[in-house]
Amino acid sequence: MKNIQSVLFCCDQNAIRSPMAEGIFKKLYGRRIFVQSAGVKHDTEIDAFAVTVCSEINVILGRHQSRSFAEM
């Protein structure tokens, strides 16, 4: 991952896939690379099942706030 400074994961609502990818990436790379996630729209909170699944691998998503591209 040389020369990569930031990563943005995207999905429809920023409620399942992109927050999981963001959380896993942060676990693997820490603060060495800036990472965020966003959705085309966001009209829902993060999915509780995604939070539970990620907690099984020690990825904490409970504080994640869904955001859209417009909010970024």
C-alpha atoms as a PDB file:
ATOM      1  CA  MET A   1       0.000   0.000   0.000  1.00  0.00           C
ATOM      2  CA  LYS A   2       2.820   2.380  -0.748  1.00  0.00           C
ATOM      3  CA  ASN A   3       1.849   5.935  -1.668  1.00  0.00           C
ATOM      4  CA  ILE A   4      -1.848   5.484  -0.886  1.00  0.00           C
ATOM      5  CA  GLN A   5      -2.942   8.323   1.378  1.00  0.00           C
ATOM      6  CA  SER A   6      -6.696   7.831   1.557  1.00  0.00           C
ATOM      7  CA  VAL A   7      -9.470   5.378   0.673  1.00  0.00           C
ATOM      8  CA  LEU A   8     -13.214   5.926   0.241  1.00  0.00           C
ATOM      9  CA  PHE A   9     -15.611   2.965   0.328  1.00  0.00           C
ATOM     10  CA  CYS A  10     -19.008   3.579  -1.275  1.00  0.00           C
ATOM     11  CA  CYS A  11     -22.371   1.828  -1.422  1.00  0.00           C
ATOM     12  CA  ASP A  12     -26.049   2.744  -1.711  1.00  0.00           C
ATOM     13  CA  GLN A  13     -26.929   3.848   1.819  1.00  0.00           C
ATOM     14  CA  ASN A  14     -23.724   3.625   3.857  1.00  0.00           C
ATOM     15  CA  ALA A  15     -25.440   1.181   6.182  1.00  0.00           C
ATOM     16  CA  ILE A  16     -23.875  -2.255   5.583  1.00  0.00           C
ATOM     17  CA  ARG A  17     -21.112  -2.860   3.020  1.00  0.00           C
ATOM     18  CA  SER A  18     -19.146   0.372   3.042  1.00  0.00           C
ATOM     19  CA  PRO A  19     -19.100   0.783   6.858  1.00  0.00           C
ATOM     20  CA  MET A  20     -17.946  -2.835   7.203  1.00  0.00           C
ATOM     21  CA  ALA A  21     -15.192  -2.237   4.642  1.00  0.00           C
ATOM     22  CA  GLU A  22     -14.161   0.967   6.427  1.00  0.00           C
ATOM     23  CA  GLY A  23     -14.036  -0.761   9.799  1.00  0.00           C
ATOM     24  CA  ILE A  24     -12.030  -3.736   8.545  1.00  0.00           C
ATOM     25  CA  PHE A  25      -9.623  -1.467   6.668  1.00  0.00           C
ATOM     26  CA  LYS A  26      -9.069   0.641   9.801  1.00  0.00           C
ATOM     27  CA  LYS A  27      -8.392  -2.521  11.790  1.00  0.00           C
ATOM     28  CA  LEU A  28      -5.801  -3.678   9.250  1.00  0.00           C
ATOM     29  CA  TYR A  29      -4.079  -0.342   8.564  1.00  0.00           C
ATOM     30  CA  GLY A  30      -4.845   1.814  11.587  1.00  0.00           C
ATOM     31  CA  ARG A  31      -4.156   5.498  11.065  1.00  0.00           C
ATOM     32  CA  ARG A  32      -1.468   5.011   8.419  1.00  0.00           C
ATOM     33  CA  ILE A  33      -4.070   5.602   5.692  1.00  0.00           C
ATOM     34  CA  PHE A  34      -7.111   7.897   6.004  1.00  0.00           C
ATOM     35  CA  VAL A  35     -10.301   5.935   5.319  1.00  0.00           C
ATOM     36  CA  GLN A  36     -13.980   6.903   5.176  1.00  0.00           C
ATOM     37  CA  SER A  37     -17.177   5.472   3.763  1.00  0.00           C
ATOM     38  CA  ALA A  38     -20.200   7.107   2.188  1.00  0.00           C
ATOM     39  CA  GLY A  39     -23.393   6.268   0.373  1.00  0.00           C
ATOM     40  CA  VAL A  40     -25.268   7.643  -2.596  1.00  0.00           C
ATOM     41  CA  LYS A  41     -27.969   8.485  -0.076  1.00  0.00           C
ATOM     42  CA  HIS A  42     -28.409   7.867   3.590  1.00  0.00           C
ATOM     43  CA  ASP A  43     -31.828   7.463   5.046  1.00  0.00           C
ATOM     44  CA  THR A  44     -31.080   4.722   7.529  1.00  0.00           C
ATOM     45  CA  GLU A  45     -28.771   3.973  10.417  1.00  0.00           C
ATOM     46  CA  ILE A  46     -26.056   1.346  10.244  1.00  0.00           C
ATOM     47  CA  ASP A  47     -27.481  -2.163  10.117  1.00  0.00           C
ATOM     48  CA  ALA A  48     -27.469  -3.921  13.499  1.00  0.00           C
ATOM     49  CA  PHE A  49     -26.532  -7.238  11.884  1.00  0.00           C
ATOM     50  CA  ALA A  50     -23.437  -5.634  10.307  1.00  0.00           C
ATOM     51  CA  VAL A  51     -22.451  -4.300  13.741  1.00  0.00           C
ATOM     52  CA  THR A  52     -22.849  -7.770  15.267  1.00  0.00           C
ATOM     53  CA  VAL A  53     -20.943  -9.567  12.513  1.00  0.00           C
ATOM     54  CA  CYS A  54     -18.035  -7.121  12.677  1.00  0.00           C
ATOM     55  CA  SER A  55     -17.879  -7.356  16.465  1.00  0.00           C
ATOM     56  CA  GLU A  56     -17.078 -11.058  16.027  1.00  0.00           C
ATOM     57  CA  ILE A  57     -13.767 -10.039  14.428  1.00  0.00           C
ATOM     58  CA  ASN A  58     -13.185  -7.154  16.857  1.00  0.00           C
ATOM     59  CA  VAL A  59     -14.229  -4.440  14.420  1.00  0.00           C
ATOM     60  CA  ILE A  60     -16.378  -1.930  16.286  1.00  0.00           C
ATOM     61  CA  LEU A  61     -19.020  -0.183  14.170  1.00  0.00           C
ATOM     62  CA  GLY A  62     -21.384   0.974  16.891  1.00  0.00           C
ATOM     63  CA  ARG A  63     -20.257   4.620  16.654  1.00  0.00           C
ATOM     64  CA  HIS A  64     -20.428   4.780  12.847  1.00  0.00           C
ATOM     65  CA  GLN A  65     -22.588   7.614  11.499  1.00  0.00           C
ATOM     66  CA  SER A  66     -24.028   7.008   8.038  1.00  0.00           C
ATOM     67  CA  ARG A  67     -23.222   9.795   5.585  1.00  0.00           C
ATOM     68  CA  SER A  68     -23.938  10.626   1.975  1.00  0.00           C
ATOM     69  CA  PHE A  69     -21.618  12.073  -0.642  1.00  0.00           C
ATOM     70  CA  ALA A  70     -23.333  15.424  -0.210  1.00  0.00           C
ATOM     71  CA  GLU A  71     -22.388  15.451   3.480  1.00  0.00           C
ATOM     72  CA  MET A  72     -18.756  14.754   2.748  1.00  0.00           C
END
